[in-house]
N, C-alpha and C. Protein backbone atom coordinates (compact mmCIF):
# COMPACT_ATOMS: atom_id res chain seq x y z
N MET A 1 -42.58 80.06 -6.03
CA MET A 1 -41.43 79.99 -6.90
C MET A 1 -41.89 79.69 -8.33
N VAL A 2 -41.38 80.44 -9.26
CA VAL A 2 -41.74 80.28 -10.67
C VAL A 2 -40.72 79.37 -11.33
N ARG A 3 -41.21 78.39 -12.06
CA ARG A 3 -40.33 77.48 -12.78
C ARG A 3 -39.95 78.10 -14.12
N VAL A 4 -38.67 78.09 -14.41
CA VAL A 4 -38.17 78.63 -15.68
C VAL A 4 -38.58 77.68 -16.80
N PRO A 5 -39.11 78.20 -17.89
CA PRO A 5 -39.49 77.33 -19.01
C PRO A 5 -38.28 76.56 -19.55
N LEU A 6 -38.56 75.36 -20.03
CA LEU A 6 -37.50 74.54 -20.61
C LEU A 6 -37.07 75.10 -21.96
N THR A 7 -35.80 74.93 -22.25
CA THR A 7 -35.28 75.33 -23.55
C THR A 7 -35.68 74.28 -24.59
N PRO A 8 -35.63 74.62 -25.87
CA PRO A 8 -35.91 73.61 -26.90
C PRO A 8 -34.98 72.40 -26.78
N GLU A 9 -33.73 72.62 -26.41
CA GLU A 9 -32.78 71.52 -26.26
C GLU A 9 -33.19 70.60 -25.11
N GLU A 10 -33.66 71.17 -24.01
CA GLU A 10 -34.10 70.35 -22.89
C GLU A 10 -35.34 69.54 -23.27
N ARG A 11 -36.23 70.12 -24.03
CA ARG A 11 -37.42 69.38 -24.49
C ARG A 11 -37.02 68.24 -25.43
N GLN A 12 -36.07 68.53 -26.33
CA GLN A 12 -35.60 67.49 -27.25
C GLN A 12 -34.91 66.35 -26.50
N ARG A 13 -34.13 66.69 -25.49
CA ARG A 13 -33.47 65.66 -24.68
C ARG A 13 -34.53 64.79 -23.99
N GLY A 14 -35.61 65.41 -23.48
CA GLY A 14 -36.69 64.66 -22.87
C GLY A 14 -37.39 63.74 -23.86
N GLU A 15 -37.57 64.22 -25.08
CA GLU A 15 -38.18 63.39 -26.13
C GLU A 15 -37.28 62.21 -26.47
N ARG A 16 -35.97 62.45 -26.56
CA ARG A 16 -35.02 61.35 -26.83
C ARG A 16 -35.07 60.34 -25.70
N PHE A 17 -35.15 60.82 -24.46
CA PHE A 17 -35.24 59.93 -23.31
C PHE A 17 -36.48 59.04 -23.42
N GLY A 18 -37.60 59.63 -23.79
CA GLY A 18 -38.83 58.84 -23.95
C GLY A 18 -38.70 57.78 -25.02
N VAL A 19 -38.08 58.12 -26.14
CA VAL A 19 -37.86 57.15 -27.21
C VAL A 19 -36.96 56.02 -26.72
N LEU A 20 -35.92 56.37 -26.00
CA LEU A 20 -35.00 55.35 -25.48
C LEU A 20 -35.73 54.40 -24.53
N LEU A 21 -36.59 54.94 -23.68
CA LEU A 21 -37.34 54.09 -22.76
C LEU A 21 -38.27 53.16 -23.52
N ARG A 22 -38.96 53.68 -24.54
CA ARG A 22 -39.86 52.82 -25.33
C ARG A 22 -39.08 51.71 -26.02
N GLN A 23 -37.91 52.04 -26.56
CA GLN A 23 -37.09 51.01 -27.21
C GLN A 23 -36.65 49.96 -26.21
N ALA A 24 -36.20 50.40 -25.05
CA ALA A 24 -35.71 49.47 -24.03
C ALA A 24 -36.85 48.62 -23.46
N ARG A 25 -38.04 49.17 -23.40
CA ARG A 25 -39.20 48.44 -22.88
C ARG A 25 -39.57 47.29 -23.79
N GLY A 26 -39.34 47.44 -25.09
CA GLY A 26 -39.61 46.38 -26.06
C GLY A 26 -41.03 45.89 -25.99
N GLU A 27 -41.21 44.60 -25.79
CA GLU A 27 -42.54 43.98 -25.76
C GLU A 27 -43.19 44.05 -24.39
N ARG A 28 -42.45 44.50 -23.38
CA ARG A 28 -43.03 44.60 -22.03
C ARG A 28 -44.10 45.69 -22.02
N SER A 29 -45.14 45.47 -21.27
CA SER A 29 -46.21 46.47 -21.20
C SER A 29 -45.77 47.65 -20.35
N MET A 30 -46.40 48.79 -20.62
CA MET A 30 -46.13 49.99 -19.85
C MET A 30 -46.48 49.75 -18.38
N VAL A 31 -47.57 49.05 -18.12
CA VAL A 31 -48.00 48.77 -16.74
C VAL A 31 -46.96 47.91 -16.03
N GLU A 32 -46.44 46.90 -16.71
CA GLU A 32 -45.43 46.01 -16.13
C GLU A 32 -44.17 46.77 -15.74
N VAL A 33 -43.67 47.59 -16.65
CA VAL A 33 -42.44 48.34 -16.39
C VAL A 33 -42.66 49.39 -15.31
N ALA A 34 -43.77 50.08 -15.38
CA ALA A 34 -44.07 51.09 -14.37
C ALA A 34 -44.15 50.46 -12.98
N ALA A 35 -44.82 49.32 -12.87
CA ALA A 35 -44.93 48.63 -11.58
C ALA A 35 -43.56 48.20 -11.06
N ALA A 36 -42.72 47.69 -11.96
CA ALA A 36 -41.38 47.26 -11.56
C ALA A 36 -40.54 48.43 -11.07
N ALA A 37 -40.81 49.63 -11.61
CA ALA A 37 -40.06 50.82 -11.22
C ALA A 37 -40.72 51.57 -10.06
N GLY A 38 -41.90 51.11 -9.64
CA GLY A 38 -42.59 51.79 -8.56
C GLY A 38 -43.27 53.08 -8.97
N LEU A 39 -43.66 53.16 -10.24
CA LEU A 39 -44.32 54.35 -10.79
C LEU A 39 -45.72 53.99 -11.26
N SER A 40 -46.50 55.01 -11.50
CA SER A 40 -47.79 54.77 -12.14
C SER A 40 -47.57 54.66 -13.65
N ALA A 41 -48.45 53.93 -14.30
CA ALA A 41 -48.36 53.82 -15.75
C ALA A 41 -48.53 55.20 -16.40
N GLU A 42 -49.33 56.06 -15.78
CA GLU A 42 -49.54 57.42 -16.30
C GLU A 42 -48.23 58.21 -16.27
N THR A 43 -47.46 58.08 -15.21
CA THR A 43 -46.17 58.78 -15.13
C THR A 43 -45.24 58.28 -16.22
N LEU A 44 -45.16 56.97 -16.40
CA LEU A 44 -44.30 56.42 -17.45
C LEU A 44 -44.77 56.89 -18.82
N ARG A 45 -46.08 56.92 -19.02
CA ARG A 45 -46.61 57.39 -20.32
C ARG A 45 -46.18 58.83 -20.58
N LYS A 46 -46.28 59.68 -19.57
CA LYS A 46 -45.89 61.08 -19.74
C LYS A 46 -44.40 61.21 -20.05
N ILE A 47 -43.59 60.40 -19.42
CA ILE A 47 -42.14 60.44 -19.69
C ILE A 47 -41.87 59.95 -21.10
N GLU A 48 -42.48 58.82 -21.48
CA GLU A 48 -42.24 58.26 -22.81
C GLU A 48 -42.72 59.17 -23.93
N THR A 49 -43.75 59.94 -23.69
CA THR A 49 -44.28 60.81 -24.75
C THR A 49 -43.66 62.20 -24.73
N GLY A 50 -42.78 62.47 -23.76
CA GLY A 50 -42.13 63.77 -23.70
C GLY A 50 -42.93 64.82 -22.96
N ARG A 51 -44.09 64.46 -22.42
CA ARG A 51 -44.89 65.44 -21.67
C ARG A 51 -44.29 65.73 -20.31
N ALA A 52 -43.40 64.85 -19.83
CA ALA A 52 -42.65 65.08 -18.59
C ALA A 52 -41.18 64.93 -18.95
N PRO A 53 -40.59 65.95 -19.60
CA PRO A 53 -39.25 65.83 -20.16
C PRO A 53 -38.11 65.86 -19.16
N THR A 54 -38.39 66.21 -17.90
CA THR A 54 -37.32 66.28 -16.90
C THR A 54 -37.71 65.52 -15.63
N PRO A 55 -37.82 64.19 -15.73
CA PRO A 55 -38.19 63.42 -14.54
C PRO A 55 -37.10 63.50 -13.46
N ALA A 56 -37.50 63.27 -12.22
CA ALA A 56 -36.57 63.30 -11.09
C ALA A 56 -35.52 62.20 -11.24
N PHE A 57 -34.36 62.42 -10.64
CA PHE A 57 -33.26 61.46 -10.73
C PHE A 57 -33.69 60.08 -10.27
N PHE A 58 -34.37 59.99 -9.13
CA PHE A 58 -34.74 58.68 -8.61
C PHE A 58 -35.77 57.99 -9.49
N THR A 59 -36.56 58.73 -10.22
CA THR A 59 -37.48 58.15 -11.19
C THR A 59 -36.69 57.55 -12.34
N VAL A 60 -35.70 58.29 -12.84
CA VAL A 60 -34.84 57.79 -13.91
C VAL A 60 -34.08 56.55 -13.45
N ALA A 61 -33.54 56.59 -12.23
CA ALA A 61 -32.79 55.46 -11.70
C ALA A 61 -33.68 54.22 -11.56
N ALA A 62 -34.92 54.41 -11.10
CA ALA A 62 -35.84 53.29 -10.95
C ALA A 62 -36.20 52.69 -12.31
N LEU A 63 -36.42 53.54 -13.29
CA LEU A 63 -36.71 53.04 -14.64
C LEU A 63 -35.52 52.31 -15.23
N ALA A 64 -34.33 52.85 -15.04
CA ALA A 64 -33.13 52.19 -15.54
C ALA A 64 -32.99 50.81 -14.92
N ALA A 65 -33.20 50.70 -13.62
CA ALA A 65 -33.09 49.41 -12.94
C ALA A 65 -34.15 48.44 -13.46
N ALA A 66 -35.38 48.90 -13.61
CA ALA A 66 -36.47 48.04 -14.08
C ALA A 66 -36.22 47.53 -15.50
N LEU A 67 -35.51 48.33 -16.30
CA LEU A 67 -35.26 47.98 -17.69
C LEU A 67 -33.88 47.36 -17.91
N GLY A 68 -33.10 47.24 -16.84
CA GLY A 68 -31.76 46.66 -16.96
C GLY A 68 -30.79 47.56 -17.69
N LEU A 69 -30.95 48.87 -17.53
CA LEU A 69 -30.09 49.83 -18.22
C LEU A 69 -29.07 50.42 -17.27
N SER A 70 -27.92 50.77 -17.79
CA SER A 70 -26.90 51.49 -17.05
C SER A 70 -27.24 52.97 -17.09
N LEU A 71 -27.16 53.64 -15.95
CA LEU A 71 -27.41 55.09 -15.93
C LEU A 71 -26.40 55.83 -16.80
N ASP A 72 -25.16 55.39 -16.81
CA ASP A 72 -24.13 56.04 -17.64
C ASP A 72 -24.47 55.93 -19.12
N GLU A 73 -24.81 54.73 -19.55
CA GLU A 73 -25.16 54.53 -20.97
C GLU A 73 -26.43 55.29 -21.34
N LEU A 74 -27.40 55.28 -20.44
CA LEU A 74 -28.65 55.99 -20.69
C LEU A 74 -28.40 57.49 -20.82
N ALA A 75 -27.60 58.04 -19.91
CA ALA A 75 -27.30 59.48 -19.96
C ALA A 75 -26.56 59.84 -21.24
N ALA A 76 -25.60 59.01 -21.62
CA ALA A 76 -24.83 59.28 -22.83
C ALA A 76 -25.72 59.21 -24.07
N ALA A 77 -26.55 58.20 -24.15
CA ALA A 77 -27.43 58.05 -25.31
C ALA A 77 -28.45 59.17 -25.37
N CYS A 78 -28.91 59.60 -24.23
CA CYS A 78 -29.92 60.66 -24.18
C CYS A 78 -29.31 62.01 -24.57
N ALA A 79 -28.05 62.21 -24.26
CA ALA A 79 -27.38 63.48 -24.56
C ALA A 79 -27.03 63.59 -26.03
N GLU A 80 -26.94 62.47 -26.72
CA GLU A 80 -26.59 62.48 -28.14
C GLU A 80 -27.72 63.08 -28.95
N GLY A 81 -27.36 63.67 -30.07
CA GLY A 81 -28.36 64.23 -30.97
C GLY A 81 -29.10 63.14 -31.71
N PRO A 82 -30.21 63.48 -32.36
CA PRO A 82 -31.02 62.49 -33.06
C PRO A 82 -30.30 61.85 -34.24
N GLN A 83 -29.24 62.47 -34.73
CA GLN A 83 -28.54 61.93 -35.88
C GLN A 83 -27.63 60.75 -35.54
N THR A 84 -27.45 60.44 -34.25
CA THR A 84 -26.49 59.42 -33.85
C THR A 84 -27.04 58.01 -33.83
N GLY A 85 -28.30 57.84 -34.08
CA GLY A 85 -28.85 56.48 -34.14
C GLY A 85 -29.55 56.07 -32.86
N GLU A 86 -29.85 54.78 -32.79
CA GLU A 86 -30.64 54.25 -31.69
C GLU A 86 -29.78 53.88 -30.50
N PHE A 87 -30.43 53.79 -29.36
CA PHE A 87 -29.82 53.32 -28.14
C PHE A 87 -29.69 51.81 -28.25
N ARG A 88 -28.55 51.30 -27.88
CA ARG A 88 -28.33 49.86 -27.89
C ARG A 88 -28.18 49.38 -26.46
N GLN A 89 -29.14 48.56 -26.02
CA GLN A 89 -29.14 48.05 -24.65
C GLN A 89 -28.01 47.05 -24.47
N ALA A 90 -27.30 47.17 -23.36
CA ALA A 90 -26.20 46.27 -23.07
C ALA A 90 -26.72 44.87 -22.77
N GLY A 91 -25.91 43.90 -23.17
CA GLY A 91 -26.11 42.57 -22.74
C GLY A 91 -27.06 41.70 -23.34
């Protein structure tokens, strides 16, 4: 099966997602957050840098839980364009 190339919009959404994760991670190390989410630090690095712009749902859910993020808020912030500002973590 051949994978259809991502559109520029899908790549940009992945890049926004990576930025949001880095912001939410704050001072926590990549290794710490990856371990809490049950991922390798390499996987988290690829997601944060946009090299893996379409992570699996359960990967996103695990990262959201490890970072104390709402999936709804994360999805909404990720869908917004770059002109809308930064993601604001609840609580």
